[in-house]
C-alpha atoms as a PDB file:
ATOM      1  CA  MET A   1      -0.039  -0.007   0.004  1.00  0.00           C
ATOM      2  CA  ALA A   2       2.924   2.364   0.745  1.00  0.00           C
ATOM      3  CA  SER A   3       4.025   2.083  -2.726  1.00  0.00           C
ATOM      4  CA  GLY A   4       0.669   3.174  -4.118  1.00  0.00           C
ATOM      5  CA  ASP A   5      -0.727  -0.291  -4.995  1.00  0.00           C
ATOM      6  CA  ALA A   6      -4.594   0.151  -5.416  1.00  0.00           C
ATOM      7  CA  ASP A   7      -5.082  -3.632  -5.002  1.00  0.00           C
ATOM      8  CA  ALA A   8      -3.180  -3.583  -1.755  1.00  0.00           C
ATOM      9  CA  ALA A   9      -5.246  -0.734  -0.560  1.00  0.00           C
ATOM     10  CA  ALA A  10      -8.464  -2.444  -1.444  1.00  0.00           C
ATOM     11  CA  ALA A  11      -7.483  -5.522   0.331  1.00  0.00           C
ATOM     12  CA  PHE A  12      -6.445  -3.354   3.374  1.00  0.00           C
ATOM     13  CA  VAL A  13      -9.770  -1.651   3.529  1.00  0.00           C
ATOM     14  CA  ARG A  14     -11.640  -5.045   3.197  1.00  0.00           C
ATOM     15  CA  ARG A  15      -9.684  -6.451   6.043  1.00  0.00           C
ATOM     16  CA  TYR A  16     -10.099  -3.622   8.497  1.00  0.00           C
ATOM     17  CA  GLN A  17     -13.365  -1.836   7.435  1.00  0.00           C
ATOM     18  CA  SER A  18     -15.587  -3.461  10.086  1.00  0.00           C
ATOM     19  CA  ARG A  19     -13.106  -2.883  13.003  1.00  0.00           C
ATOM     20  CA  VAL A  20     -12.560   0.847  11.771  1.00  0.00           C
ATOM     21  CA  TYR A  21     -16.247   1.547  11.345  1.00  0.00           C
ATOM     22  CA  GLY A  22     -17.092  -0.258  14.615  1.00  0.00           C
ATOM     23  CA  LEU A  23     -14.670   1.795  16.594  1.00  0.00           C
ATOM     24  CA  ALA A  24     -15.845   5.044  14.973  1.00  0.00           C
ATOM     25  CA  VAL A  25     -19.494   4.381  15.508  1.00  0.00           C
ATOM     26  CA  SER A  26     -18.957   3.394  19.141  1.00  0.00           C
ATOM     27  CA  VAL A  27     -17.072   6.616  19.839  1.00  0.00           C
ATOM     28  CA  VAL A  28     -19.142   9.144  17.682  1.00  0.00           C
ATOM     29  CA  GLY A  29     -22.528   7.281  18.255  1.00  0.00           C
ATOM     30  CA  ASP A  30     -23.789   8.230  14.732  1.00  0.00           C
ATOM     31  CA  SER A  31     -23.703   5.969  11.798  1.00  0.00           C
ATOM     32  CA  GLY A  32     -23.367   8.686   9.203  1.00  0.00           C
ATOM     33  CA  LEU A  33     -20.596  10.453  10.995  1.00  0.00           C
ATOM     34  CA  ALA A  34     -18.864   7.139  11.690  1.00  0.00           C
ATOM     35  CA  GLU A  35     -18.817   6.377   7.872  1.00  0.00           C
ATOM     36  CA  GLU A  36     -17.107   9.799   7.378  1.00  0.00           C
ATOM     37  CA  VAL A  37     -14.544   9.086  10.105  1.00  0.00           C
ATOM     38  CA  ALA A  38     -13.877   5.638   8.824  1.00  0.00           C
ATOM     39  CA  GLN A  39     -13.377   6.881   5.256  1.00  0.00           C
ATOM     40  CA  GLU A  40     -10.987   9.668   6.441  1.00  0.00           C
ATOM     41  CA  ALA A  41      -9.101   7.034   8.556  1.00  0.00           C
ATOM     42  CA  PHE A  42      -8.412   4.971   5.551  1.00  0.00           C
ATOM     43  CA  VAL A  43      -7.456   8.023   3.471  1.00  0.00           C
ATOM     44  CA  ARG A  44      -5.046   9.104   6.099  1.00  0.00           C
ATOM     45  CA  ALA A  45      -3.595   5.490   6.245  1.00  0.00           C
ATOM     46  CA  TRP A  46      -3.191   5.459   2.599  1.00  0.00           C
ATOM     47  CA  ARG A  47      -1.388   8.907   2.534  1.00  0.00           C
ATOM     48  CA  HIS A  48       0.791   7.969   5.463  1.00  0.00           C
ATOM     49  CA  ALA A  49       1.369   4.232   4.840  1.00  0.00           C
ATOM     50  CA  ALA A  50       5.143   5.032   4.128  1.00  0.00           C
ATOM     51  CA  THR A  51       5.596   6.410   7.602  1.00  0.00           C
ATOM     52  CA  TYR A  52       4.244   3.397   9.320  1.00  0.00           C
ATOM     53  CA  ASP A  53       6.863   1.856  11.616  1.00  0.00           C
ATOM     54  CA  PRO A  54       6.253  -1.688  12.723  1.00  0.00           C
ATOM     55  CA  ARG A  55       8.552  -1.190  15.620  1.00  0.00           C
ATOM     56  CA  ARG A  56       6.084   1.148  17.179  1.00  0.00           C
ATOM     57  CA  GLY A  57       3.050  -1.142  16.965  1.00  0.00           C
ATOM     58  CA  ARG A  58       0.959  -3.516  14.887  1.00  0.00           C
ATOM     59  CA  VAL A  59      -0.930  -2.253  11.807  1.00  0.00           C
ATOM     60  CA  PRO A  60      -4.436  -2.662  13.365  1.00  0.00           C
ATOM     61  CA  THR A  61      -3.290  -0.617  16.394  1.00  0.00           C
ATOM     62  CA  TRP A  62      -1.866   2.101  14.112  1.00  0.00           C
ATOM     63  CA  LEU A  63      -5.065   2.220  12.001  1.00  0.00           C
ATOM     64  CA  LEU A  64      -7.437   2.134  14.950  1.00  0.00           C
ATOM     65  CA  THR A  65      -5.405   4.958  16.714  1.00  0.00           C
ATOM     66  CA  ILE A  66      -5.867   7.022  13.595  1.00  0.00           C
ATOM     67  CA  THR A  67      -9.615   6.204  13.761  1.00  0.00           C
ATOM     68  CA  ARG A  68      -9.836   7.068  17.543  1.00  0.00           C
ATOM     69  CA  ASN A  69      -8.155  10.384  16.921  1.00  0.00           C
ATOM     70  CA  LEU A  70     -10.428  11.358  14.031  1.00  0.00           C
ATOM     71  CA  SER A  71     -13.479  10.161  16.055  1.00  0.00           C
ATOM     72  CA  VAL A  72     -12.464  12.496  18.958  1.00  0.00           C
ATOM     73  CA  ASP A  73     -11.995  15.326  16.473  1.00  0.00           C
ATOM     74  CA  ALA A  74     -15.433  14.728  15.105  1.00  0.00           C
ATOM     75  CA  ILE A  75     -17.065  14.743  18.410  1.00  0.00           C
ATOM     76  CA  ARG A  76     -15.347  18.018  19.265  1.00  0.00           C
ATOM     77  CA  ILE A  77     -16.503  19.521  16.024  1.00  0.00           C
ATOM     78  CA  HIS A  78     -20.112  18.017  15.662  1.00  0.00           C
ATOM     79  CA  HIS A  79     -21.177  17.318  19.323  1.00  0.00           C
ATOM     80  CA  ARG A  80     -20.787  19.901  21.873  1.00  0.00           C
ATOM     81  CA  HIS A  81     -23.079  18.135  24.268  1.00  0.00           C
ATOM     82  CA  ARG A  82     -22.511  15.639  27.120  1.00  0.00           C
ATOM     83  CA  ILE A  83     -20.824  12.399  26.062  1.00  0.00           C
ATOM     84  CA  ASP A  84     -22.103   9.128  27.373  1.00  0.00           C
ATOM     85  CA  PRO A  85     -19.358   6.425  27.859  1.00  0.00           C
ATOM     86  CA  GLU A  86     -22.058   3.743  28.244  1.00  0.00           C
ATOM     87  CA  PRO A  87     -22.083   2.654  24.646  1.00  0.00           C
ATOM     88  CA  MET A  88     -18.420   2.085  24.666  1.00  0.00           C
ATOM     89  CA  LEU A  89     -18.637   0.235  28.053  1.00  0.00           C
ATOM     90  CA  ALA A  90     -21.498  -1.921  26.736  1.00  0.00           C
ATOM     91  CA  GLY A  91     -19.525  -2.748  23.688  1.00  0.00           C
ATOM     92  CA  LEU A  92     -16.549  -3.901  25.846  1.00  0.00           C
ATOM     93  CA  ALA A  93     -18.979  -6.070  27.823  1.00  0.00           C
ATOM     94  CA  ALA A  94     -20.721  -7.478  24.891  1.00  0.00           C
ATOM     95  CA  ASP A  95     -20.352 -10.996  23.666  1.00  0.00           C
ATOM     96  CA  PRO A  96     -18.610 -11.024  21.221  1.00  0.00           C
ATOM     97  CA  PRO A  97     -16.982  -7.858  22.570  1.00  0.00           C
ATOM     98  CA  VAL A  98     -16.276  -4.643  20.632  1.00  0.00           C
ATOM     99  CA  ASP A  99     -12.567  -4.765  21.242  1.00  0.00           C
ATOM    100  CA  PRO A 100     -11.195  -1.757  19.311  1.00  0.00           C
ATOM    101  CA  PHE A 101      -7.525  -2.210  20.216  1.00  0.00           C
ATOM    102  CA  GLY A 102      -7.426  -6.113  20.020  1.00  0.00           C
ATOM    103  CA  SER A 103      -6.559  -6.456  23.755  1.00  0.00           C
ATOM    104  CA  HIS A 104      -8.591  -8.931  25.616  1.00  0.00           C
ATOM    105  CA  ASP A 105      -6.525  -8.168  28.815  1.00  0.00           C
ATOM    106  CA  LEU A 106      -7.248  -4.402  28.492  1.00  0.00           C
ATOM    107  CA  ARG A 107     -10.972  -5.033  28.018  1.00  0.00           C
ATOM    108  CA  ALA A 108     -11.059  -7.364  30.976  1.00  0.00           C
ATOM    109  CA  GLY A 109      -9.085  -4.985  33.157  1.00  0.00           C
ATOM    110  CA  LEU A 110     -11.412  -2.083  32.384  1.00  0.00           C
ATOM    111  CA  LEU A 111     -14.560  -4.179  33.132  1.00  0.00           C
ATOM    112  CA  LYS A 112     -12.994  -5.070  36.453  1.00  0.00           C
ATOM    113  CA  LEU A 113     -12.624  -1.424  37.533  1.00  0.00           C
ATOM    114  CA  PRO A 114     -15.267   0.204  39.690  1.00  0.00           C
ATOM    115  CA  PRO A 115     -17.484   2.450  37.516  1.00  0.00           C
ATOM    116  CA  GLU A 116     -16.257   5.592  39.100  1.00  0.00           C
ATOM    117  CA  GLN A 117     -12.727   4.709  37.805  1.00  0.00           C
ATOM    118  CA  CYS A 118     -13.754   3.167  34.498  1.00  0.00           C
ATOM    119  CA  ARG A 119     -15.932   5.996  33.184  1.00  0.00           C
ATOM    120  CA  PRO A 120     -13.352   8.722  33.462  1.00  0.00           C
ATOM    121  CA  ILE A 121     -10.793   6.549  31.845  1.00  0.00           C
ATOM    122  CA  VAL A 122     -12.975   5.690  29.039  1.00  0.00           C
ATOM    123  CA  LEU A 123     -14.022   9.401  28.511  1.00  0.00           C
ATOM    124  CA  SER A 124     -10.402  10.389  28.559  1.00  0.00           C
ATOM    125  CA  VAL A 125      -8.877   7.543  26.510  1.00  0.00           C
ATOM    126  CA  PHE A 126     -11.602   6.753  23.983  1.00  0.00           C
ATOM    127  CA  TYR A 127     -13.314  10.079  23.914  1.00  0.00           C
ATOM    128  CA  GLY A 128     -10.360  12.496  24.322  1.00  0.00           C
ATOM    129  CA  LEU A 129     -11.925  14.526  27.107  1.00  0.00           C
ATOM    130  CA  THR A 130      -9.684  16.438  29.445  1.00  0.00           C
ATOM    131  CA  THR A 131      -9.815  15.935  33.166  1.00  0.00           C
ATOM    132  CA  LYS A 132     -11.652  19.375  33.446  1.00  0.00           C
ATOM    133  CA  GLU A 133     -14.165  18.344  30.877  1.00  0.00           C
ATOM    134  CA  ILE A 134     -14.806  15.131  32.672  1.00  0.00           C
ATOM    135  CA  ALA A 135     -15.177  16.913  36.042  1.00  0.00           C
ATOM    136  CA  ASP A 136     -17.765  19.326  34.544  1.00  0.00           C
ATOM    137  CA  GLN A 137     -19.655  16.467  32.809  1.00  0.00           C
ATOM    138  CA  GLU A 138     -19.684  14.091  35.845  1.00  0.00           C
ATOM    139  CA  GLY A 139     -20.244  16.958  38.258  1.00  0.00           C
ATOM    140  CA  VAL A 140     -17.510  16.068  40.628  1.00  0.00           C
ATOM    141  CA  PRO A 141     -14.313  18.066  41.625  1.00  0.00           C
ATOM    142  CA  LEU A 142     -11.219  18.156  39.251  1.00  0.00           C
ATOM    143  CA  GLY A 143      -9.075  16.566  41.934  1.00  0.00           C
ATOM    144  CA  THR A 144     -11.541  13.683  42.303  1.00  0.00           C
ATOM    145  CA  VAL A 145     -11.424  12.915  38.554  1.00  0.00           C
ATOM    146  CA  LYS A 146      -7.661  12.968  38.576  1.00  0.00           C
ATOM    147  CA  THR A 147      -7.459  10.553  41.601  1.00  0.00           C
ATOM    148  CA  ARG A 148     -10.110   8.111  40.039  1.00  0.00           C
ATOM    149  CA  ILE A 149      -8.074   8.173  36.789  1.00  0.00           C
ATOM    150  CA  ARG A 150      -4.764   7.643  38.572  1.00  0.00           C
ATOM    151  CA  ARG A 151      -6.161   4.811  40.829  1.00  0.00           C
ATOM    152  CA  GLY A 152      -7.977   3.220  37.943  1.00  0.00           C
ATOM    153  CA  LEU A 153      -4.814   3.272  35.716  1.00  0.00           C
ATOM    154  CA  ALA A 154      -2.780   1.811  38.527  1.00  0.00           C
ATOM    155  CA  LYS A 155      -5.287  -1.057  38.868  1.00  0.00           C
ATOM    156  CA  LEU A 156      -5.010  -1.558  35.061  1.00  0.00           C
ATOM    157  CA  ARG A 157      -1.217  -1.674  35.233  1.00  0.00           C
ATOM    158  CA  ASP A 158      -1.347  -4.351  37.865  1.00  0.00           C
ATOM    159  CA  ALA A 159      -3.927  -6.283  35.998  1.00  0.00           C
ATOM    160  CA  LEU A 160      -1.910  -6.161  32.872  1.00  0.00           C
ATOM    161  CA  GLY A 161       1.376  -6.878  34.550  1.00  0.00           C
ATOM    162  CA  VAL A 162       2.928  -3.603  33.416  1.00  0.00           C
ATOM    163  CA  GLY A 163       5.410  -1.942  35.754  1.00  0.00           C
ATOM    164  CA  SER A 164       5.224   1.617  36.552  1.00  0.00           C
ATOM    165  CA  ASP A 165       8.038   4.020  35.532  1.00  0.00           C
ATOM    166  CA  GLU A 166      10.580   4.106  38.410  1.00  0.00           C
ATOM    167  CA  ARG A 167      12.702   7.248  38.228  1.00  0.00           C
END
């Protein structure tokens, strides 16, 4: 695809279109807007295929990160209202799960968190809200949101067996 091969691009789209669209619709909550986001994600992947570095992550992760970022941008542009993380949480708990980043362990770890820790992490990571925006939306103090995110991420690190940075 990086060399401009149209057949490779078509195969790439066929392979990932359901995951890209699924992530986009779960984040933006609107099928029409999700189609636009998905299309733009593939256009960006096509344009920037030559810059993909396999040492930094797998292709699906790279593509879904592009999709997530575009979805967050679309929300900010098109939806200036309260964002409900419940559709994303329901998708993570579904059978079969909506697992946008292909990590069963991450999904399981998020589902084990108490809702007051899981919600702000989902709002921050999947929807791109700042801690201030989350505090305003959830009606809790900013420090409470920061504490919930910090504690939730610590629990996720433990669940995933990821060490914290020791400096």
